[in-house]
Amino acid sequence: MKTNSGAKKRFSLTGSGKIKRKHAFKSHILTKKTKKRKRNLTHSATVHKSDENNVKQMLRLK
């Protein structure tokens, strides 16, 4: 089975087995967004527990 090529570019695995993701809405039209909002979008986050199974299926981890 092939890995979903879009998913492998967007998600990575942490050492503890959680899935790391980036925040959306930080690519363009940044002039109307506040500095605080843009700064908070910079940091990475983890995939929510309810979405984890779908992402793992796309990455062929499950």
PDB file of N, CA and C in Angstrom:
ATOM      1  N   MET A   1       0.839  -1.189   0.000  1.00  0.00           N
ATOM      2  CA  MET A   1       0.000   0.000   0.000  1.00  0.00           C
ATOM      3  C   MET A   1       0.883   1.252   0.000  1.00  0.00           C
ATOM      4  N   LYS A   2       0.459   2.225  -0.772  1.00  0.00           N
ATOM      5  CA  LYS A   2       1.226   3.468  -0.841  1.00  0.00           C
ATOM      6  C   LYS A   2       0.798   4.441   0.245  1.00  0.00           C
ATOM      7  N   THR A   3       1.771   5.223   0.709  1.00  0.00           N
ATOM      8  CA  THR A   3       1.500   6.308   1.643  1.00  0.00           C
ATOM      9  C   THR A   3       0.840   7.452   0.877  1.00  0.00           C
ATOM     10  N   ASN A   4      -0.098   8.133   1.502  1.00  0.00           N
ATOM     11  CA  ASN A   4      -0.713   9.316   0.909  1.00  0.00           C
ATOM     12  C   ASN A   4       0.360  10.403   0.817  1.00  0.00           C
ATOM     13  N   SER A   5       0.682  10.829  -0.395  1.00  0.00           N
ATOM     14  CA  SER A   5       1.812  11.747  -0.582  1.00  0.00           C
ATOM     15  C   SER A   5       1.541  13.127   0.006  1.00  0.00           C
ATOM     16  N   GLY A   6       0.274  13.546   0.053  1.00  0.00           N
ATOM     17  CA  GLY A   6      -0.061  14.819   0.685  1.00  0.00           C
ATOM     18  C   GLY A   6       0.125  14.758   2.185  1.00  0.00           C
ATOM     19  N   ALA A   7      -0.204  13.609   2.768  1.00  0.00           N
ATOM     20  CA  ALA A   7      -0.092  13.447   4.220  1.00  0.00           C
ATOM     21  C   ALA A   7       1.362  13.368   4.656  1.00  0.00           C
ATOM     22  N   LYS A   8       2.207  12.705   3.875  1.00  0.00           N
ATOM     23  CA  LYS A   8       3.595  12.564   4.302  1.00  0.00           C
ATOM     24  C   LYS A   8       4.346  13.896   4.278  1.00  0.00           C
ATOM     25  N   LYS A   9       3.853  14.860   3.483  1.00  0.00           N
ATOM     26  CA  LYS A   9       4.457  16.192   3.471  1.00  0.00           C
ATOM     27  C   LYS A   9       3.983  17.039   4.653  1.00  0.00           C
ATOM     28  N   ARG A  10       2.809  16.725   5.194  1.00  0.00           N
ATOM     29  CA  ARG A  10       2.196  17.581   6.203  1.00  0.00           C
ATOM     30  C   ARG A  10       2.329  17.107   7.642  1.00  0.00           C
ATOM     31  N   PHE A  11       2.541  15.814   7.838  1.00  0.00           N
ATOM     32  CA  PHE A  11       2.575  15.262   9.188  1.00  0.00           C
ATOM     33  C   PHE A  11       3.902  14.572   9.466  1.00  0.00           C
ATOM     34  N   SER A  12       4.328  14.612  10.745  1.00  0.00           N
ATOM     35  CA  SER A  12       5.499  13.854  11.155  1.00  0.00           C
ATOM     36  C   SER A  12       5.246  13.254  12.525  1.00  0.00           C
ATOM     37  N   LEU A  13       5.972  12.213  12.832  1.00  0.00           N
ATOM     38  CA  LEU A  13       5.781  11.491  14.078  1.00  0.00           C
ATOM     39  C   LEU A  13       6.736  12.009  15.151  1.00  0.00           C
ATOM     40  N   THR A  14       6.250  12.134  16.371  1.00  0.00           N
ATOM     41  CA  THR A  14       7.113  12.523  17.486  1.00  0.00           C
ATOM     42  C   THR A  14       7.707  11.257  18.106  1.00  0.00           C
ATOM     43  N   GLY A  15       8.605  11.436  19.035  1.00  0.00           N
ATOM     44  CA  GLY A  15       9.235  10.300  19.691  1.00  0.00           C
ATOM     45  C   GLY A  15       8.265   9.467  20.495  1.00  0.00           C
ATOM     46  N   SER A  16       7.240  10.114  21.044  1.00  0.00           N
ATOM     47  CA  SER A  16       6.267   9.393  21.864  1.00  0.00           C
ATOM     48  C   SER A  16       5.153   8.764  21.025  1.00  0.00           C
ATOM     49  N   GLY A  17       5.189   8.957  19.701  1.00  0.00           N
ATOM     50  CA  GLY A  17       4.193   8.335  18.830  1.00  0.00           C
ATOM     51  C   GLY A  17       3.038   9.232  18.458  1.00  0.00           C
ATOM     52  N   LYS A  18       3.034  10.474  18.914  1.00  0.00           N
ATOM     53  CA  LYS A  18       1.983  11.409  18.528  1.00  0.00           C
ATOM     54  C   LYS A  18       2.299  11.952  17.135  1.00  0.00           C
ATOM     55  N   ILE A  19       1.301  12.533  16.491  1.00  0.00           N
ATOM     56  CA  ILE A  19       1.479  13.078  15.148  1.00  0.00           C
ATOM     57  C   ILE A  19       1.517  14.592  15.226  1.00  0.00           C
ATOM     58  N   LYS A  20       2.589  15.152  14.674  1.00  0.00           N
ATOM     59  CA  LYS A  20       2.812  16.589  14.708  1.00  0.00           C
ATOM     60  C   LYS A  20       2.283  17.207  13.412  1.00  0.00           C
ATOM     61  N   ARG A  21       1.698  18.415  13.531  1.00  0.00           N
ATOM     62  CA  ARG A  21       1.164  19.116  12.364  1.00  0.00           C
ATOM     63  C   ARG A  21       1.486  20.599  12.471  1.00  0.00           C
ATOM     64  N   LYS A  22       1.323  21.304  11.369  1.00  0.00           N
ATOM     65  CA  LYS A  22       1.490  22.748  11.375  1.00  0.00           C
ATOM     66  C   LYS A  22       0.119  23.399  11.383  1.00  0.00           C
ATOM     67  N   HIS A  23       0.065  24.661  11.801  1.00  0.00           N
ATOM     68  CA  HIS A  23      -1.181  25.415  11.787  1.00  0.00           C
ATOM     69  C   HIS A  23      -1.478  25.910  10.371  1.00  0.00           C
ATOM     70  N   ALA A  24      -2.761  25.994  10.060  1.00  0.00           N
ATOM     71  CA  ALA A  24      -3.199  26.546   8.776  1.00  0.00           C
ATOM     72  C   ALA A  24      -3.288  28.072   8.877  1.00  0.00           C
ATOM     73  N   PHE A  25      -3.595  28.720   7.777  1.00  0.00           N
ATOM     74  CA  PHE A  25      -3.839  30.175   7.687  1.00  0.00           C
ATOM     75  C   PHE A  25      -2.591  31.017   7.929  1.00  0.00           C
ATOM     76  N   LYS A  26      -1.425  30.557   7.543  1.00  0.00           N
ATOM     77  CA  LYS A  26      -0.225  31.373   7.707  1.00  0.00           C
ATOM     78  C   LYS A  26       0.554  31.511   6.393  1.00  0.00           C
ATOM     79  N   SER A  27      -0.135  31.326   5.258  1.00  0.00           N
ATOM     80  CA  SER A  27       0.596  31.358   3.993  1.00  0.00           C
ATOM     81  C   SER A  27       0.461  32.680   3.239  1.00  0.00           C
ATOM     82  N   HIS A  28      -0.714  33.291   3.273  1.00  0.00           N
ATOM     83  CA  HIS A  28      -0.894  34.554   2.547  1.00  0.00           C
ATOM     84  C   HIS A  28      -1.999  35.362   3.217  1.00  0.00           C
ATOM     85  N   ILE A  29      -2.189  36.597   2.716  1.00  0.00           N
ATOM     86  CA  ILE A  29      -3.116  37.581   3.315  1.00  0.00           C
ATOM     87  C   ILE A  29      -2.779  37.764   4.801  1.00  0.00           C
ATOM     88  N   LEU A  30      -1.526  38.092   5.073  1.00  0.00           N
ATOM     89  CA  LEU A  30      -1.062  38.213   6.451  1.00  0.00           C
ATOM     90  C   LEU A  30      -1.185  39.648   6.982  1.00  0.00           C
ATOM     91  N   THR A  31      -1.506  40.599   6.113  1.00  0.00           N
ATOM     92  CA  THR A  31      -1.532  41.998   6.545  1.00  0.00           C
ATOM     93  C   THR A  31      -2.656  42.287   7.528  1.00  0.00           C
ATOM     94  N   LYS A  32      -3.795  41.606   7.364  1.00  0.00           N
ATOM     95  CA  LYS A  32      -4.924  41.878   8.258  1.00  0.00           C
ATOM     96  C   LYS A  32      -4.869  41.062   9.547  1.00  0.00           C
ATOM     97  N   LYS A  33      -3.927  40.144   9.660  1.00  0.00           N
ATOM     98  CA  LYS A  33      -3.810  39.325  10.867  1.00  0.00           C
ATOM     99  C   LYS A  33      -2.863  39.994  11.854  1.00  0.00           C
ATOM    100  N   THR A  34      -3.180  39.902  13.120  1.00  0.00           N
ATOM    101  CA  THR A  34      -2.363  40.561  14.128  1.00  0.00           C
ATOM    102  C   THR A  34      -1.042  39.822  14.323  1.00  0.00           C
ATOM    103  N   LYS A  35      -0.059  40.528  14.888  1.00  0.00           N
ATOM    104  CA  LYS A  35       1.245  39.920  15.156  1.00  0.00           C
ATOM    105  C   LYS A  35       1.109  38.717  16.074  1.00  0.00           C
ATOM    106  N   LYS A  36       0.256  38.869  17.080  1.00  0.00           N
ATOM    107  CA  LYS A  36       0.040  37.795  18.053  1.00  0.00           C
ATOM    108  C   LYS A  36      -0.526  36.544  17.366  1.00  0.00           C
ATOM    109  N   ARG A  37      -1.479  36.764  16.489  1.00  0.00           N
ATOM    110  CA  ARG A  37      -2.110  35.638  15.783  1.00  0.00           C
ATOM    111  C   ARG A  37      -1.108  34.930  14.881  1.00  0.00           C
ATOM    112  N   LYS A  38      -0.299  35.694  14.154  1.00  0.00           N
ATOM    113  CA  LYS A  38       0.706  35.104  13.263  1.00  0.00           C
ATOM    114  C   LYS A  38       1.781  34.375  14.056  1.00  0.00           C
ATOM    115  N   ARG A  39       2.167  34.940  15.178  1.00  0.00           N
ATOM    116  CA  ARG A  39       3.180  34.314  16.031  1.00  0.00           C
ATOM    117  C   ARG A  39       2.679  32.974  16.584  1.00  0.00           C
ATOM    118  N   ASN A  40       1.424  32.951  17.013  1.00  0.00           N
ATOM    119  CA  ASN A  40       0.865  31.718  17.557  1.00  0.00           C
ATOM    120  C   ASN A  40       0.658  30.646  16.490  1.00  0.00           C
ATOM    121  N   LEU A  41       0.467  31.053  15.243  1.00  0.00           N
ATOM    122  CA  LEU A  41       0.318  30.088  14.149  1.00  0.00           C
ATOM    123  C   LEU A  41       1.651  29.468  13.740  1.00  0.00           C
ATOM    124  N   THR A  42       2.759  30.083  14.154  1.00  0.00           N
ATOM    125  CA  THR A  42       4.085  29.580  13.794  1.00  0.00           C
ATOM    126  C   THR A  42       4.383  28.248  14.466  1.00  0.00           C
ATOM    127  N   HIS A  43       3.964  28.101  15.721  1.00  0.00           N
ATOM    128  CA  HIS A  43       4.315  26.910  16.481  1.00  0.00           C
ATOM    129  C   HIS A  43       3.555  25.694  15.961  1.00  0.00           C
ATOM    130  N   SER A  44       4.190  24.531  16.088  1.00  0.00           N
ATOM    131  CA  SER A  44       3.532  23.302  15.652  1.00  0.00           C
ATOM    132  C   SER A  44       2.582  22.802  16.730  1.00  0.00           C
ATOM    133  N   ALA A  45       1.672  21.937  16.328  1.00  0.00           N
ATOM    134  CA  ALA A  45       0.677  21.379  17.243  1.00  0.00           C
ATOM    135  C   ALA A  45       0.586  19.885  16.989  1.00  0.00           C
ATOM    136  N   THR A  46      -0.208  19.202  17.799  1.00  0.00           N
ATOM    137  CA  THR A  46      -0.414  17.773  17.586  1.00  0.00           C
ATOM    138  C   THR A  46      -1.811  17.549  17.026  1.00  0.00           C
ATOM    139  N   VAL A  47      -1.948  16.468  16.294  1.00  0.00           N
ATOM    140  CA  VAL A  47      -3.236  16.108  15.707  1.00  0.00           C
ATOM    141  C   VAL A  47      -4.176  15.672  16.822  1.00  0.00           C
ATOM    142  N   HIS A  48      -5.432  16.089  16.744  1.00  0.00           N
ATOM    143  CA  HIS A  48      -6.424  15.741  17.757  1.00  0.00           C
ATOM    144  C   HIS A  48      -6.669  14.234  17.763  1.00  0.00           C
ATOM    145  N   LYS A  49      -7.004  13.734  18.932  1.00  0.00           N
ATOM    146  CA  LYS A  49      -7.170  12.295  19.117  1.00  0.00           C
ATOM    147  C   LYS A  49      -8.217  11.705  18.173  1.00  0.00           C
ATOM    148  N   SER A  50      -9.279  12.454  17.896  1.00  0.00           N
ATOM    149  CA  SER A  50     -10.339  11.948  17.022  1.00  0.00           C
ATOM    150  C   SER A  50      -9.895  11.847  15.563  1.00  0.00           C
ATOM    151  N   ASP A  51      -8.878  12.596  15.158  1.00  0.00           N
ATOM    152  CA  ASP A  51      -8.373  12.549  13.785  1.00  0.00           C
ATOM    153  C   ASP A  51      -7.166  11.638  13.631  1.00  0.00           C
ATOM    154  N   GLU A  52      -6.612  11.180  14.747  1.00  0.00           N
ATOM    155  CA  GLU A  52      -5.371  10.411  14.714  1.00  0.00           C
ATOM    156  C   GLU A  52      -5.465   9.153  13.859  1.00  0.00           C
ATOM    157  N   ASN A  53      -6.562   8.408  13.986  1.00  0.00           N
ATOM    158  CA  ASN A  53      -6.703   7.164  13.218  1.00  0.00           C
ATOM    159  C   ASN A  53      -6.718   7.415  11.721  1.00  0.00           C
ATOM    160  N   ASN A  54      -7.390   8.495  11.280  1.00  0.00           N
ATOM    161  CA  ASN A  54      -7.421   8.814   9.849  1.00  0.00           C
ATOM    162  C   ASN A  54      -6.034   9.170   9.327  1.00  0.00           C
ATOM    163  N   VAL A  55      -5.287   9.943  10.091  1.00  0.00           N
ATOM    164  CA  VAL A  55      -3.949  10.350   9.658  1.00  0.00           C
ATOM    165  C   VAL A  55      -3.010   9.137   9.634  1.00  0.00           C
ATOM    166  N   LYS A  56      -3.111   8.297  10.652  1.00  0.00           N
ATOM    167  CA  LYS A  56      -2.278   7.092  10.679  1.00  0.00           C
ATOM    168  C   LYS A  56      -2.588   6.179   9.495  1.00  0.00           C
ATOM    169  N   GLN A  57      -3.857   6.116   9.098  1.00  0.00           N
ATOM    170  CA  GLN A  57      -4.240   5.320   7.930  1.00  0.00           C
ATOM    171  C   GLN A  57      -3.604   5.891   6.671  1.00  0.00           C
ATOM    172  N   MET A  58      -3.592   7.218   6.543  1.00  0.00           N
ATOM    173  CA  MET A  58      -2.992   7.850   5.370  1.00  0.00           C
ATOM    174  C   MET A  58      -1.484   7.637   5.321  1.00  0.00           C
ATOM    175  N   LEU A  59      -0.853   7.619   6.518  1.00  0.00           N
ATOM    176  CA  LEU A  59       0.596   7.408   6.590  1.00  0.00           C
ATOM    177  C   LEU A  59       0.945   5.935   6.619  1.00  0.00           C
ATOM    178  N   ARG A  60      -0.061   5.070   6.604  1.00  0.00           N
ATOM    179  CA  ARG A  60       0.116   3.611   6.645  1.00  0.00           C
ATOM    180  C   ARG A  60       0.855   3.168   7.891  1.00  0.00           C
ATOM    181  N   LEU A  61       0.497   3.775   9.030  1.00  0.00           N
ATOM    182  CA  LEU A  61       1.090   3.393  10.309  1.00  0.00           C
ATOM    183  C   LEU A  61       0.208   2.405  11.048  1.00  0.00           C
ATOM    184  N   LYS A  62      -0.997   2.197  10.527  1.00  0.00           N
ATOM    185  CA  LYS A  62      -1.946   1.337  11.239  1.00  0.00           C
ATOM    186  C   LYS A  62      -2.489   0.270  10.329  1.00  0.00           C
TER     187      LYS A  62
END
